[in-house]
């Protein structure tokens, strides 16, 4: 049985067991799923741009004809060498395509399957976790420590520097989606220009305190079920052109933080103590404590799943991004109104 925790993912991917011939990379953080799949593909072949070495397959096509994946995995490369097959995410069932490769894995190619947020009971996830020939890799929203590492990595690569306080300020403005976070950091570094260091002034100029307050108001309104405040904040942020992925990323990150805090409260910690560890600005602490008391682990887990699915949908279809995000926010707010602690 090969099931790993989220914090073990990078270490497991860096030192793959040769017996693992199919890697399922899944989770609500679609940016992190894509980033890890790309890194694994790059490490698995000699030339990632060679179409004979890296074969890309559409998930919908594989679901429609499961034998396509089996045939490709069992094809012998014309020029020898290492091969990798990368299957893009799909909302359709892939179990029929994957099962034959779990029992009889490819000897010639490593198969990388990308997926959205799969619950514990999902047949594909269960099959991969139980198989000795596969590895299931979960990808959840970035924690503050992970975001700090990403910021440091990108700032160094740009030849700049950033102090601890500024890094923490930037971390607080980034969402739980890896891809979105990288885009925001890239935008910031472009604005910094020839300046040697990233400063709080740069961050305020690019992100803006007003946008930060509006996003915070939106997040708190959703988890409090305050529909009127939600409507006002959503209208303002949409008119200002806030990316729907960034909006959902902020909500997802907060939901994950609330979930972790709620679990600690269920373990005996006080709600006030749990909120103090969430690193929120003082004005938001009361709202966070109220949400923590109102939402159960079960309902917060459901909220994380809803946000993960919506984030993936927004990434797939930009034209439907705004209505998808709005519908998701209203769904969560109504869930809060119905009693987040309900079953």
C-alpha atoms as a PDB file:
ATOM      1  CA  UNK A   1       0.000   0.000   0.000  1.00  0.00           C
ATOM      2  CA  UNK A   2       1.570   3.298  -1.133  1.00  0.00           C
ATOM      3  CA  UNK A   3      -0.226   6.291   0.399  1.00  0.00           C
ATOM      4  CA  UNK A   4       1.783   9.308   1.525  1.00  0.00           C
ATOM      5  CA  UNK A   5       0.999  12.496   3.399  1.00  0.00           C
ATOM      6  CA  UNK A   6       1.074  15.871   1.666  1.00  0.00           C
ATOM      7  CA  UNK A   7       4.267  16.943   3.430  1.00  0.00           C
ATOM      8  CA  UNK A   8       6.028  13.791   2.179  1.00  0.00           C
ATOM      9  CA  UNK A   9       5.251  14.451  -1.499  1.00  0.00           C
ATOM     10  CA  UNK A  10       8.397  16.263  -2.610  1.00  0.00           C
ATOM     11  CA  UNK A  11      10.682  13.779  -0.877  1.00  0.00           C
ATOM     12  CA  UNK A  12       8.849  10.800  -2.391  1.00  0.00           C
ATOM     13  CA  UNK A  13       8.943  12.277  -5.897  1.00  0.00           C
ATOM     14  CA  UNK A  14      12.645  13.075  -5.587  1.00  0.00           C
ATOM     15  CA  UNK A  15      13.468   9.461  -4.720  1.00  0.00           C
ATOM     16  CA  UNK A  16      10.974   7.358  -6.645  1.00  0.00           C
ATOM     17  CA  UNK A  17      10.900   3.648  -5.917  1.00  0.00           C
ATOM     18  CA  UNK A  18      11.631   1.834  -9.226  1.00  0.00           C
ATOM     19  CA  UNK A  19       8.539  -0.295  -8.551  1.00  0.00           C
ATOM     20  CA  UNK A  20       6.293   2.759  -8.922  1.00  0.00           C
ATOM     21  CA  UNK A  21       5.426   2.914 -12.608  1.00  0.00           C
ATOM     22  CA  UNK A  22       2.220   4.972 -12.332  1.00  0.00           C
ATOM     23  CA  UNK A  23       2.126   8.242 -10.376  1.00  0.00           C
ATOM     24  CA  UNK A  24      -1.237   9.811  -9.530  1.00  0.00           C
ATOM     25  CA  UNK A  25      -0.835  13.502  -8.635  1.00  0.00           C
ATOM     26  CA  UNK A  26      -4.077  14.931  -7.286  1.00  0.00           C
ATOM     27  CA  UNK A  27      -5.515  17.648  -5.053  1.00  0.00           C
ATOM     28  CA  UNK A  28      -7.329  20.978  -4.890  1.00  0.00           C
ATOM     29  CA  UNK A  29      -4.161  22.961  -5.701  1.00  0.00           C
ATOM     30  CA  UNK A  30      -4.201  22.562  -9.481  1.00  0.00           C
ATOM     31  CA  UNK A  31      -1.109  24.738  -9.834  1.00  0.00           C
ATOM     32  CA  UNK A  32       0.896  22.469  -7.553  1.00  0.00           C
ATOM     33  CA  UNK A  33      -0.446  19.376  -9.345  1.00  0.00           C
ATOM     34  CA  UNK A  34       0.757  20.769 -12.667  1.00  0.00           C
ATOM     35  CA  UNK A  35       4.104  21.918 -11.247  1.00  0.00           C
ATOM     36  CA  UNK A  36       4.886  18.518  -9.741  1.00  0.00           C
ATOM     37  CA  UNK A  37       3.765  16.675 -12.874  1.00  0.00           C
ATOM     38  CA  UNK A  38       6.038  18.871 -14.993  1.00  0.00           C
ATOM     39  CA  UNK A  39       9.003  18.340 -12.667  1.00  0.00           C
ATOM     40  CA  UNK A  40       8.459  14.570 -12.637  1.00  0.00           C
ATOM     41  CA  UNK A  41       8.155  14.421 -16.420  1.00  0.00           C
ATOM     42  CA  UNK A  42      11.341  16.456 -16.783  1.00  0.00           C
ATOM     43  CA  UNK A  43      13.202  14.082 -14.458  1.00  0.00           C
ATOM     44  CA  UNK A  44      11.852  10.993 -16.215  1.00  0.00           C
ATOM     45  CA  UNK A  45      13.053  11.664 -19.771  1.00  0.00           C
ATOM     46  CA  UNK A  46      16.214  12.960 -21.401  1.00  0.00           C
ATOM     47  CA  UNK A  47      14.463  15.628 -23.483  1.00  0.00           C
ATOM     48  CA  UNK A  48      11.082  16.908 -22.332  1.00  0.00           C
ATOM     49  CA  UNK A  49      10.533  18.567 -25.740  1.00  0.00           C
ATOM     50  CA  UNK A  50      10.895  15.264 -27.618  1.00  0.00           C
ATOM     51  CA  UNK A  51       7.360  14.044 -28.430  1.00  0.00           C
ATOM     52  CA  UNK A  52       8.651  10.454 -28.624  1.00  0.00           C
ATOM     53  CA  UNK A  53       9.983  10.638 -25.069  1.00  0.00           C
ATOM     54  CA  UNK A  54       7.186  12.625 -23.388  1.00  0.00           C
ATOM     55  CA  UNK A  55       3.737  11.640 -24.627  1.00  0.00           C
ATOM     56  CA  UNK A  56       0.907  13.945 -23.620  1.00  0.00           C
ATOM     57  CA  UNK A  57      -2.589  12.462 -23.501  1.00  0.00           C
ATOM     58  CA  UNK A  58      -5.890  14.243 -22.944  1.00  0.00           C
ATOM     59  CA  UNK A  59      -7.728  12.897 -19.905  1.00  0.00           C
ATOM     60  CA  UNK A  60     -11.127  13.088 -21.610  1.00  0.00           C
ATOM     61  CA  UNK A  61      -9.832  11.046 -24.563  1.00  0.00           C
ATOM     62  CA  UNK A  62      -8.353   8.426 -22.254  1.00  0.00           C
ATOM     63  CA  UNK A  63     -11.624   8.176 -20.307  1.00  0.00           C
ATOM     64  CA  UNK A  64     -13.564   7.726 -23.553  1.00  0.00           C
ATOM     65  CA  UNK A  65     -11.202   4.986 -24.785  1.00  0.00           C
ATOM     66  CA  UNK A  66      -9.326   3.401 -21.836  1.00  0.00           C
ATOM     67  CA  UNK A  67      -7.280   1.133 -24.105  1.00  0.00           C
ATOM     68  CA  UNK A  68      -5.475   4.180 -25.538  1.00  0.00           C
ATOM     69  CA  UNK A  69      -3.464   4.575 -22.364  1.00  0.00           C
ATOM     70  CA  UNK A  70      -2.738   0.861 -22.065  1.00  0.00           C
ATOM     71  CA  UNK A  71      -1.597   0.665 -25.690  1.00  0.00           C
ATOM     72  CA  UNK A  72       0.647   3.716 -25.342  1.00  0.00           C
ATOM     73  CA  UNK A  73       2.173   2.444 -22.103  1.00  0.00           C
ATOM     74  CA  UNK A  74       3.011  -0.903 -23.723  1.00  0.00           C
ATOM     75  CA  UNK A  75       4.439   0.595 -26.900  1.00  0.00           C
ATOM     76  CA  UNK A  76       8.190   0.132 -27.297  1.00  0.00           C
ATOM     77  CA  UNK A  77       9.962   3.395 -28.084  1.00  0.00           C
ATOM     78  CA  UNK A  78      11.344   3.568 -31.613  1.00  0.00           C
ATOM     79  CA  UNK A  79      14.648   5.017 -30.473  1.00  0.00           C
ATOM     80  CA  UNK A  80      14.893   3.407 -27.046  1.00  0.00           C
ATOM     81  CA  UNK A  81      15.642   5.528 -23.986  1.00  0.00           C
ATOM     82  CA  UNK A  82      13.351   6.658 -21.196  1.00  0.00           C
ATOM     83  CA  UNK A  83       9.705   7.541 -21.839  1.00  0.00           C
ATOM     84  CA  UNK A  84       6.963   9.232 -19.844  1.00  0.00           C
ATOM     85  CA  UNK A  85       3.228   9.515 -20.459  1.00  0.00           C
ATOM     86  CA  UNK A  86       1.426  12.516 -18.969  1.00  0.00           C
ATOM     87  CA  UNK A  87      -2.386  12.392 -18.710  1.00  0.00           C
ATOM     88  CA  UNK A  88      -4.154  15.727 -18.203  1.00  0.00           C
ATOM     89  CA  UNK A  89      -6.933  16.187 -15.592  1.00  0.00           C
ATOM     90  CA  UNK A  90     -10.478  15.142 -16.422  1.00  0.00           C
ATOM     91  CA  UNK A  91     -13.781  15.060 -14.565  1.00  0.00           C
ATOM     92  CA  UNK A  92     -14.533  11.674 -16.140  1.00  0.00           C
ATOM     93  CA  UNK A  93     -13.678   8.254 -14.722  1.00  0.00           C
ATOM     94  CA  UNK A  94     -10.161   6.977 -15.450  1.00  0.00           C
ATOM     95  CA  UNK A  95     -10.195   3.793 -13.383  1.00  0.00           C
ATOM     96  CA  UNK A  96     -10.784   1.513 -16.384  1.00  0.00           C
ATOM     97  CA  UNK A  97      -7.715   2.953 -18.107  1.00  0.00           C
ATOM     98  CA  UNK A  98      -5.492   2.794 -15.039  1.00  0.00           C
ATOM     99  CA  UNK A  99      -6.390  -0.592 -13.518  1.00  0.00           C
ATOM    100  CA  UNK A 100      -4.618  -2.721 -16.178  1.00  0.00           C
ATOM    101  CA  UNK A 101      -1.411  -0.731 -15.622  1.00  0.00           C
ATOM    102  CA  UNK A 102      -1.573  -1.305 -11.874  1.00  0.00           C
ATOM    103  CA  UNK A 103      -1.643  -5.069 -12.272  1.00  0.00           C
ATOM    104  CA  UNK A 104       0.737  -5.150 -15.254  1.00  0.00           C
ATOM    105  CA  UNK A 105       2.841  -1.980 -15.161  1.00  0.00           C
ATOM    106  CA  UNK A 106       4.685  -0.611 -18.150  1.00  0.00           C
ATOM    107  CA  UNK A 107       8.354  -1.569 -18.249  1.00  0.00           C
ATOM    108  CA  UNK A 108       9.182   1.088 -20.806  1.00  0.00           C
ATOM    109  CA  UNK A 109       7.410   4.211 -19.543  1.00  0.00           C
ATOM    110  CA  UNK A 110       6.392   5.935 -16.348  1.00  0.00           C
ATOM    111  CA  UNK A 111       2.751   7.071 -16.406  1.00  0.00           C
ATOM    112  CA  UNK A 112       1.864  10.407 -14.759  1.00  0.00           C
ATOM    113  CA  UNK A 113      -1.844  11.004 -14.143  1.00  0.00           C
ATOM    114  CA  UNK A 114      -3.014  14.463 -13.046  1.00  0.00           C
ATOM    115  CA  UNK A 115      -6.315  14.837 -11.207  1.00  0.00           C
ATOM    116  CA  UNK A 116      -8.366  17.292  -9.186  1.00  0.00           C
ATOM    117  CA  UNK A 117      -9.398  16.922  -5.567  1.00  0.00           C
ATOM    118  CA  UNK A 118     -10.123  13.210  -5.006  1.00  0.00           C
ATOM    119  CA  UNK A 119     -11.870  12.200  -1.807  1.00  0.00           C
ATOM    120  CA  UNK A 120     -10.717   9.172   0.209  1.00  0.00           C
ATOM    121  CA  UNK A 121     -13.519   7.090  -1.302  1.00  0.00           C
ATOM    122  CA  UNK A 122     -12.637   7.941  -4.912  1.00  0.00           C
ATOM    123  CA  UNK A 123     -12.057   4.625  -6.759  1.00  0.00           C
ATOM    124  CA  UNK A 124      -9.022   5.910  -8.705  1.00  0.00           C
ATOM    125  CA  UNK A 125      -7.311   7.213  -5.576  1.00  0.00           C
ATOM    126  CA  UNK A 126      -8.097   4.031  -3.633  1.00  0.00           C
ATOM    127  CA  UNK A 127      -6.774   1.795  -6.413  1.00  0.00           C
ATOM    128  CA  UNK A 128      -3.493   3.722  -6.673  1.00  0.00           C
ATOM    129  CA  UNK A 129      -2.992   3.877  -2.913  1.00  0.00           C
ATOM    130  CA  UNK A 130      -3.464   0.114  -2.593  1.00  0.00           C
ATOM    131  CA  UNK A 131      -1.271  -0.885  -5.544  1.00  0.00           C
ATOM    132  CA  UNK A 132       2.412  -1.643  -4.988  1.00  0.00           C
ATOM    133  CA  UNK A 133       3.158  -0.382  -8.490  1.00  0.00           C
ATOM    134  CA  UNK A 134       1.721   3.118  -8.029  1.00  0.00           C
ATOM    135  CA  UNK A 135       2.195   6.210  -5.919  1.00  0.00           C
ATOM    136  CA  UNK A 136      -0.624   8.611  -5.008  1.00  0.00           C
ATOM    137  CA  UNK A 137       0.641  12.157  -4.365  1.00  0.00           C
ATOM    138  CA  UNK A 138      -1.693  14.662  -2.643  1.00  0.00           C
ATOM    139  CA  UNK A 139      -1.360  18.384  -3.432  1.00  0.00           C
ATOM    140  CA  UNK A 140      -3.017  20.774  -1.019  1.00  0.00           C
ATOM    141  CA  UNK A 141      -2.876  24.555  -0.708  1.00  0.00           C
ATOM    142  CA  UNK A 142       0.462  26.050   0.238  1.00  0.00           C
ATOM    143  CA  UNK A 143       1.128  26.631   3.912  1.00  0.00           C
ATOM    144  CA  UNK A 144       2.830  29.857   4.954  1.00  0.00           C
ATOM    145  CA  UNK A 145       6.165  28.025   5.216  1.00  0.00           C
ATOM    146  CA  UNK A 146       5.840  26.703   1.648  1.00  0.00           C
ATOM    147  CA  UNK A 147       4.928  30.144   0.319  1.00  0.00           C
ATOM    148  CA  UNK A 148       7.931  31.632   2.081  1.00  0.00           C
ATOM    149  CA  UNK A 149      10.213  29.134   0.345  1.00  0.00           C
ATOM    150  CA  UNK A 150       8.668  29.915  -3.044  1.00  0.00           C
ATOM    151  CA  UNK A 151       9.089  33.660  -2.468  1.00  0.00           C
ATOM    152  CA  UNK A 152      12.745  33.221  -1.486  1.00  0.00           C
ATOM    153  CA  UNK A 153      13.431  30.983  -4.488  1.00  0.00           C
ATOM    154  CA  UNK A 154      11.883  33.380  -7.027  1.00  0.00           C
ATOM    155  CA  UNK A 155      13.384  36.516  -5.467  1.00  0.00           C
ATOM    156  CA  UNK A 156      16.877  34.964  -5.505  1.00  0.00           C
ATOM    157  CA  UNK A 157      16.429  33.840  -9.106  1.00  0.00           C
ATOM    158  CA  UNK A 158      15.596  37.441 -10.030  1.00  0.00           C
ATOM    159  CA  UNK A 159      18.774  38.667  -8.330  1.00  0.00           C
ATOM    160  CA  UNK A 160      16.843  40.525  -5.629  1.00  0.00           C
ATOM    161  CA  UNK A 161      16.603  40.329  -1.846  1.00  0.00           C
ATOM    162  CA  UNK A 162      13.672  40.426   0.578  1.00  0.00           C
ATOM    163  CA  UNK A 163      13.668  40.781   4.357  1.00  0.00           C
ATOM    164  CA  UNK A 164      11.622  38.678   6.744  1.00  0.00           C
ATOM    165  CA  UNK A 165       8.907  41.258   7.498  1.00  0.00           C
ATOM    166  CA  UNK A 166       8.327  41.955   3.815  1.00  0.00           C
ATOM    167  CA  UNK A 167       8.197  38.230   3.043  1.00  0.00           C
ATOM    168  CA  UNK A 168       5.566  37.737   5.740  1.00  0.00           C
ATOM    169  CA  UNK A 169       3.515  40.609   4.345  1.00  0.00           C
ATOM    170  CA  UNK A 170       3.609  39.078   0.870  1.00  0.00           C
ATOM    171  CA  UNK A 171       2.805  35.608   2.225  1.00  0.00           C
ATOM    172  CA  UNK A 172      -0.345  36.968   3.824  1.00  0.00           C
ATOM    173  CA  UNK A 173      -1.562  38.239   0.445  1.00  0.00           C
ATOM    174  CA  UNK A 174      -1.005  35.042  -1.529  1.00  0.00           C
ATOM    175  CA  UNK A 175      -3.576  32.290  -1.927  1.00  0.00           C
ATOM    176  CA  UNK A 176      -3.433  28.522  -1.626  1.00  0.00           C
ATOM    177  CA  UNK A 177      -2.883  27.825  -5.317  1.00  0.00           C
ATOM    178  CA  UNK A 178       0.780  27.381  -6.303  1.00  0.00           C
ATOM    179  CA  UNK A 179       0.366  28.569  -9.900  1.00  0.00           C
ATOM    180  CA  UNK A 180      -1.547  31.698  -8.903  1.00  0.00           C
ATOM    181  CA  UNK A 181       1.014  32.510  -6.220  1.00  0.00           C
ATOM    182  CA  UNK A 182       3.863  32.287  -8.723  1.00  0.00           C
ATOM    183  CA  UNK A 183       2.044  34.614 -11.134  1.00  0.00           C
ATOM    184  CA  UNK A 184       1.547  37.169  -8.367  1.00  0.00           C
ATOM    185  CA  UNK A 185       5.226  37.009  -7.394  1.00  0.00           C
ATOM    186  CA  UNK A 186       6.280  37.349 -11.044  1.00  0.00           C
ATOM    187  CA  UNK A 187       4.082  40.452 -11.366  1.00  0.00           C
ATOM    188  CA  UNK A 188       5.647  41.908  -8.226  1.00  0.00           C
ATOM    189  CA  UNK A 189       9.206  41.257  -9.417  1.00  0.00           C
ATOM    190  CA  UNK A 190       8.429  42.889 -12.751  1.00  0.00           C
ATOM    191  CA  UNK A 191       7.259  45.999 -10.885  1.00  0.00           C
ATOM    192  CA  UNK A 192      10.401  46.023  -8.697  1.00  0.00           C
ATOM    193  CA  UNK A 193      12.441  46.501 -11.864  1.00  0.00           C
ATOM    194  CA  UNK A 194      16.056  47.521 -11.230  1.00  0.00           C
ATOM    195  CA  UNK A 195      15.620  48.018  -7.480  1.00  0.00           C
ATOM    196  CA  UNK A 196      17.892  45.620  -5.552  1.00  0.00           C
ATOM    197  CA  UNK A 197      15.333  44.581  -2.936  1.00  0.00           C
ATOM    198  CA  UNK A 198      11.617  43.866  -2.699  1.00  0.00           C
ATOM    199  CA  UNK A 199      10.061  46.272  -0.197  1.00  0.00           C
ATOM    200  CA  UNK A 200       6.687  46.659   1.500  1.00  0.00           C
ATOM    201  CA  UNK A 201       6.118  49.720  -0.687  1.00  0.00           C
ATOM    202  CA  UNK A 202       6.436  47.550  -3.809  1.00  0.00           C
ATOM    203  CA  UNK A 203       3.917  45.075  -2.433  1.00  0.00           C
ATOM    204  CA  UNK A 204       1.450  47.794  -1.466  1.00  0.00           C
ATOM    205  CA  UNK A 205       1.737  49.390  -4.901  1.00  0.00           C
ATOM    206  CA  UNK A 206       1.119  46.139  -6.786  1.00  0.00           C
ATOM    207  CA  UNK A 207      -1.401  44.396  -4.559  1.00  0.00           C
ATOM    208  CA  UNK A 208      -2.921  47.352  -2.757  1.00  0.00           C
ATOM    209  CA  UNK A 209      -4.242  47.617   0.789  1.00  0.00           C
ATOM    210  CA  UNK A 210      -7.753  48.245  -0.509  1.00  0.00           C
ATOM    211  CA  UNK A 211      -7.782  44.994  -2.456  1.00  0.00           C
ATOM    212  CA  UNK A 212      -6.446  43.199   0.604  1.00  0.00           C
ATOM    213  CA  UNK A 213      -9.221  44.569   2.805  1.00  0.00           C
ATOM    214  CA  UNK A 214     -11.885  43.723   0.236  1.00  0.00           C
ATOM    215  CA  UNK A 215     -10.590  40.177  -0.131  1.00  0.00           C
ATOM    216  CA  UNK A 216     -10.501  39.753   3.638  1.00  0.00           C
ATOM    217  CA  UNK A 217     -14.061  41.063   3.881  1.00  0.00           C
ATOM    218  CA  UNK A 218     -15.127  38.640   1.174  1.00  0.00           C
ATOM    219  CA  UNK A 219     -13.525  35.648   2.893  1.00  0.00           C
ATOM    220  CA  UNK A 220     -14.953  36.474   6.313  1.00  0.00           C
ATOM    221  CA  UNK A 221     -18.406  37.140   4.847  1.00  0.00           C
ATOM    222  CA  UNK A 222     -18.445  33.742   3.148  1.00  0.00           C
ATOM    223  CA  UNK A 223     -17.614  31.795   6.306  1.00  0.00           C
ATOM    224  CA  UNK A 224     -20.040  33.886   8.373  1.00  0.00           C
ATOM    225  CA  UNK A 225     -22.862  33.461   5.862  1.00  0.00           C
ATOM    226  CA  UNK A 226     -23.294  37.241   5.569  1.00  0.00           C
ATOM    227  CA  UNK A 227     -24.848  37.448   2.118  1.00  0.00           C
ATOM    228  CA  UNK A 228     -25.210  41.232   1.932  1.00  0.00           C
ATOM    229  CA  UNK A 229     -21.538  41.837   2.782  1.00  0.00           C
ATOM    230  CA  UNK A 230     -20.523  39.058   0.389  1.00  0.00           C
ATOM    231  CA  UNK A 231     -22.523  40.632  -2.434  1.00  0.00           C
ATOM    232  CA  UNK A 232     -20.941  44.046  -1.882  1.00  0.00           C
ATOM    233  CA  UNK A 233     -17.356  42.710  -1.645  1.00  0.00           C
ATOM    234  CA  UNK A 234     -17.807  40.449  -4.673  1.00  0.00           C
ATOM    235  CA  UNK A 235     -19.154  43.313  -6.766  1.00  0.00           C
ATOM    236  CA  UNK A 236     -16.228  45.573  -5.829  1.00  0.00           C
ATOM    237  CA  UNK A 237     -13.547  42.958  -6.461  1.00  0.00           C
ATOM    238  CA  UNK A 238     -15.085  41.897  -9.772  1.00  0.00           C
ATOM    239  CA  UNK A 239     -15.278  45.501 -10.975  1.00  0.00           C
ATOM    240  CA  UNK A 240     -11.602  45.944 -10.054  1.00  0.00           C
ATOM    241  CA  UNK A 241     -10.710  42.950 -12.216  1.00  0.00           C
ATOM    242  CA  UNK A 242      -9.569  40.565  -9.476  1.00  0.00           C
ATOM    243  CA  UNK A 243      -8.710  37.194 -10.998  1.00  0.00           C
ATOM    244  CA  UNK A 244     -11.252  34.523 -10.043  1.00  0.00           C
ATOM    245  CA  UNK A 245      -8.453  32.057  -9.375  1.00  0.00           C
ATOM    246  CA  UNK A 246      -6.861  34.475  -6.890  1.00  0.00           C
ATOM    247  CA  UNK A 247     -10.242  34.985  -5.222  1.00  0.00           C
ATOM    248  CA  UNK A 248     -10.844  31.251  -4.840  1.00  0.00           C
ATOM    249  CA  UNK A 249      -7.226  30.703  -3.817  1.00  0.00           C
ATOM    250  CA  UNK A 250      -7.625  33.087  -0.876  1.00  0.00           C
ATOM    251  CA  UNK A 251     -10.797  31.312   0.220  1.00  0.00           C
ATOM    252  CA  UNK A 252      -9.185  27.897  -0.121  1.00  0.00           C
ATOM    253  CA  UNK A 253      -6.182  28.922   1.932  1.00  0.00           C
ATOM    254  CA  UNK A 254      -8.434  30.290   4.677  1.00  0.00           C
ATOM    255  CA  UNK A 255     -10.593  27.149   4.617  1.00  0.00           C
ATOM    256  CA  UNK A 256      -7.519  24.953   5.011  1.00  0.00           C
ATOM    257  CA  UNK A 257      -6.257  27.133   7.853  1.00  0.00           C
ATOM    258  CA  UNK A 258      -9.652  26.957   9.576  1.00  0.00           C
ATOM    259  CA  UNK A 259      -9.729  23.184   9.089  1.00  0.00           C
ATOM    260  CA  UNK A 260      -6.340  22.741  10.741  1.00  0.00           C
ATOM    261  CA  UNK A 261      -7.354  25.029  13.595  1.00  0.00           C
ATOM    262  CA  UNK A 262     -10.715  23.250  14.024  1.00  0.00           C
ATOM    263  CA  UNK A 263      -8.920  19.908  14.261  1.00  0.00           C
ATOM    264  CA  UNK A 264      -6.681  21.306  16.985  1.00  0.00           C
ATOM    265  CA  UNK A 265      -9.745  22.598  18.856  1.00  0.00           C
ATOM    266  CA  UNK A 266     -11.321  19.157  18.654  1.00  0.00           C
ATOM    267  CA  UNK A 267      -8.067  17.887  20.132  1.00  0.00           C
ATOM    268  CA  UNK A 268      -8.517  20.062  23.220  1.00  0.00           C
ATOM    269  CA  UNK A 269      -7.093  23.443  22.256  1.00  0.00           C
ATOM    270  CA  UNK A 270      -9.110  26.592  22.923  1.00  0.00           C
ATOM    271  CA  UNK A 271     -10.614  28.409  19.928  1.00  0.00           C
ATOM    272  CA  UNK A 272      -8.904  31.672  20.932  1.00  0.00           C
ATOM    273  CA  UNK A 273      -5.518  29.967  21.137  1.00  0.00           C
ATOM    274  CA  UNK A 274      -6.057  28.287  17.753  1.00  0.00           C
ATOM    275  CA  UNK A 275      -6.971  31.616  16.146  1.00  0.00           C
ATOM    276  CA  UNK A 276      -3.876  33.295  17.565  1.00  0.00           C
ATOM    277  CA  UNK A 277      -1.743  30.790  15.647  1.00  0.00           C
ATOM    278  CA  UNK A 278      -3.445  31.654  12.330  1.00  0.00           C
ATOM    279  CA  UNK A 279      -1.349  34.837  11.924  1.00  0.00           C
ATOM    280  CA  UNK A 280      -4.326  37.038  11.047  1.00  0.00           C
ATOM    281  CA  UNK A 281      -4.512  40.831  11.437  1.00  0.00           C
ATOM    282  CA  UNK A 282      -6.165  41.770  14.736  1.00  0.00           C
ATOM    283  CA  UNK A 283      -9.412  43.081  13.125  1.00  0.00           C
ATOM    284  CA  UNK A 284     -10.047  39.642  11.587  1.00  0.00           C
ATOM    285  CA  UNK A 285      -9.465  37.538  14.683  1.00  0.00           C
ATOM    286  CA  UNK A 286     -13.025  37.835  16.010  1.00  0.00           C
ATOM    287  CA  UNK A 287     -14.486  36.726  12.666  1.00  0.00           C
ATOM    288  CA  UNK A 288     -12.072  33.801  12.519  1.00  0.00           C
ATOM    289  CA  UNK A 289     -12.968  32.689  16.041  1.00  0.00           C
ATOM    290  CA  UNK A 290     -16.666  32.880  15.211  1.00  0.00           C
ATOM    291  CA  UNK A 291     -16.109  30.783  12.072  1.00  0.00           C
ATOM    292  CA  UNK A 292     -14.040  28.303  14.021  1.00  0.00           C
ATOM    293  CA  UNK A 293     -16.855  27.846  16.540  1.00  0.00           C
ATOM    294  CA  UNK A 294     -19.485  27.602  13.798  1.00  0.00           C
ATOM    295  CA  UNK A 295     -17.877  25.151  11.366  1.00  0.00           C
ATOM    296  CA  UNK A 296     -17.176  21.470  12.024  1.00  0.00           C
ATOM    297  CA  UNK A 297     -14.275  19.475  10.594  1.00  0.00           C
ATOM    298  CA  UNK A 298     -16.734  17.679   8.322  1.00  0.00           C
ATOM    299  CA  UNK A 299     -18.195  20.892   6.918  1.00  0.00           C
ATOM    300  CA  UNK A 300     -14.801  22.540   6.482  1.00  0.00           C
ATOM    301  CA  UNK A 301     -13.592  19.452   4.629  1.00  0.00           C
ATOM    302  CA  UNK A 302     -16.648  19.764   2.399  1.00  0.00           C
ATOM    303  CA  UNK A 303     -15.844  23.449   1.832  1.00  0.00           C
ATOM    304  CA  UNK A 304     -12.255  22.608   0.850  1.00  0.00           C
ATOM    305  CA  UNK A 305     -13.574  20.064  -1.659  1.00  0.00           C
ATOM    306  CA  UNK A 306     -16.032  22.572  -3.151  1.00  0.00           C
ATOM    307  CA  UNK A 307     -13.303  25.192  -3.507  1.00  0.00           C
ATOM    308  CA  UNK A 308     -10.858  22.705  -5.011  1.00  0.00           C
ATOM    309  CA  UNK A 309     -13.375  21.631  -7.641  1.00  0.00           C
ATOM    310  CA  UNK A 310     -14.237  25.244  -8.456  1.00  0.00           C
ATOM    311  CA  UNK A 311     -10.573  26.228  -8.754  1.00  0.00           C
ATOM    312  CA  UNK A 312      -9.970  23.420 -11.230  1.00  0.00           C
ATOM    313  CA  UNK A 313     -13.059  24.435 -13.229  1.00  0.00           C
ATOM    314  CA  UNK A 314     -11.856  28.054 -13.371  1.00  0.00           C
ATOM    315  CA  UNK A 315      -8.446  26.931 -14.645  1.00  0.00           C
ATOM    316  CA  UNK A 316     -10.078  24.854 -17.390  1.00  0.00           C
ATOM    317  CA  UNK A 317     -12.557  27.406 -18.687  1.00  0.00           C
ATOM    318  CA  UNK A 318     -11.664  31.074 -18.318  1.00  0.00           C
ATOM    319  CA  UNK A 319     -14.930  32.223 -19.880  1.00  0.00           C
ATOM    320  CA  UNK A 320     -16.923  30.676 -17.039  1.00  0.00           C
ATOM    321  CA  UNK A 321     -14.476  31.730 -14.328  1.00  0.00           C
ATOM    322  CA  UNK A 322     -16.510  34.575 -12.832  1.00  0.00           C
ATOM    323  CA  UNK A 323     -19.903  32.817 -12.673  1.00  0.00           C
ATOM    324  CA  UNK A 324     -18.229  29.668 -11.334  1.00  0.00           C
ATOM    325  CA  UNK A 325     -16.460  31.625  -8.592  1.00  0.00           C
ATOM    326  CA  UNK A 326     -19.598  33.568  -7.673  1.00  0.00           C
ATOM    327  CA  UNK A 327     -21.715  30.414  -7.505  1.00  0.00           C
ATOM    328  CA  UNK A 328     -19.104  28.766  -5.277  1.00  0.00           C
ATOM    329  CA  UNK A 329     -19.041  31.701  -2.871  1.00  0.00           C
ATOM    330  CA  UNK A 330     -22.821  31.764  -2.554  1.00  0.00           C
ATOM    331  CA  UNK A 331     -22.910  27.991  -2.028  1.00  0.00           C
ATOM    332  CA  UNK A 332     -20.445  28.243   0.864  1.00  0.00           C
ATOM    333  CA  UNK A 333     -22.219  31.238   2.401  1.00  0.00           C
ATOM    334  CA  UNK A 334     -25.525  29.375   2.357  1.00  0.00           C
ATOM    335  CA  UNK A 335     -23.771  26.378   3.893  1.00  0.00           C
ATOM    336  CA  UNK A 336     -22.617  28.693   6.681  1.00  0.00           C
ATOM    337  CA  UNK A 337     -26.162  29.985   7.136  1.00  0.00           C
ATOM    338  CA  UNK A 338     -27.537  26.463   7.376  1.00  0.00           C
ATOM    339  CA  UNK A 339     -25.182  25.738  10.245  1.00  0.00           C
ATOM    340  CA  UNK A 340     -21.557  24.924   9.526  1.00  0.00           C
ATOM    341  CA  UNK A 341     -21.490  22.555  12.461  1.00  0.00           C
ATOM    342  CA  UNK A 342     -24.304  20.459  11.081  1.00  0.00           C
ATOM    343  CA  UNK A 343     -23.759  16.995   9.642  1.00  0.00           C
END
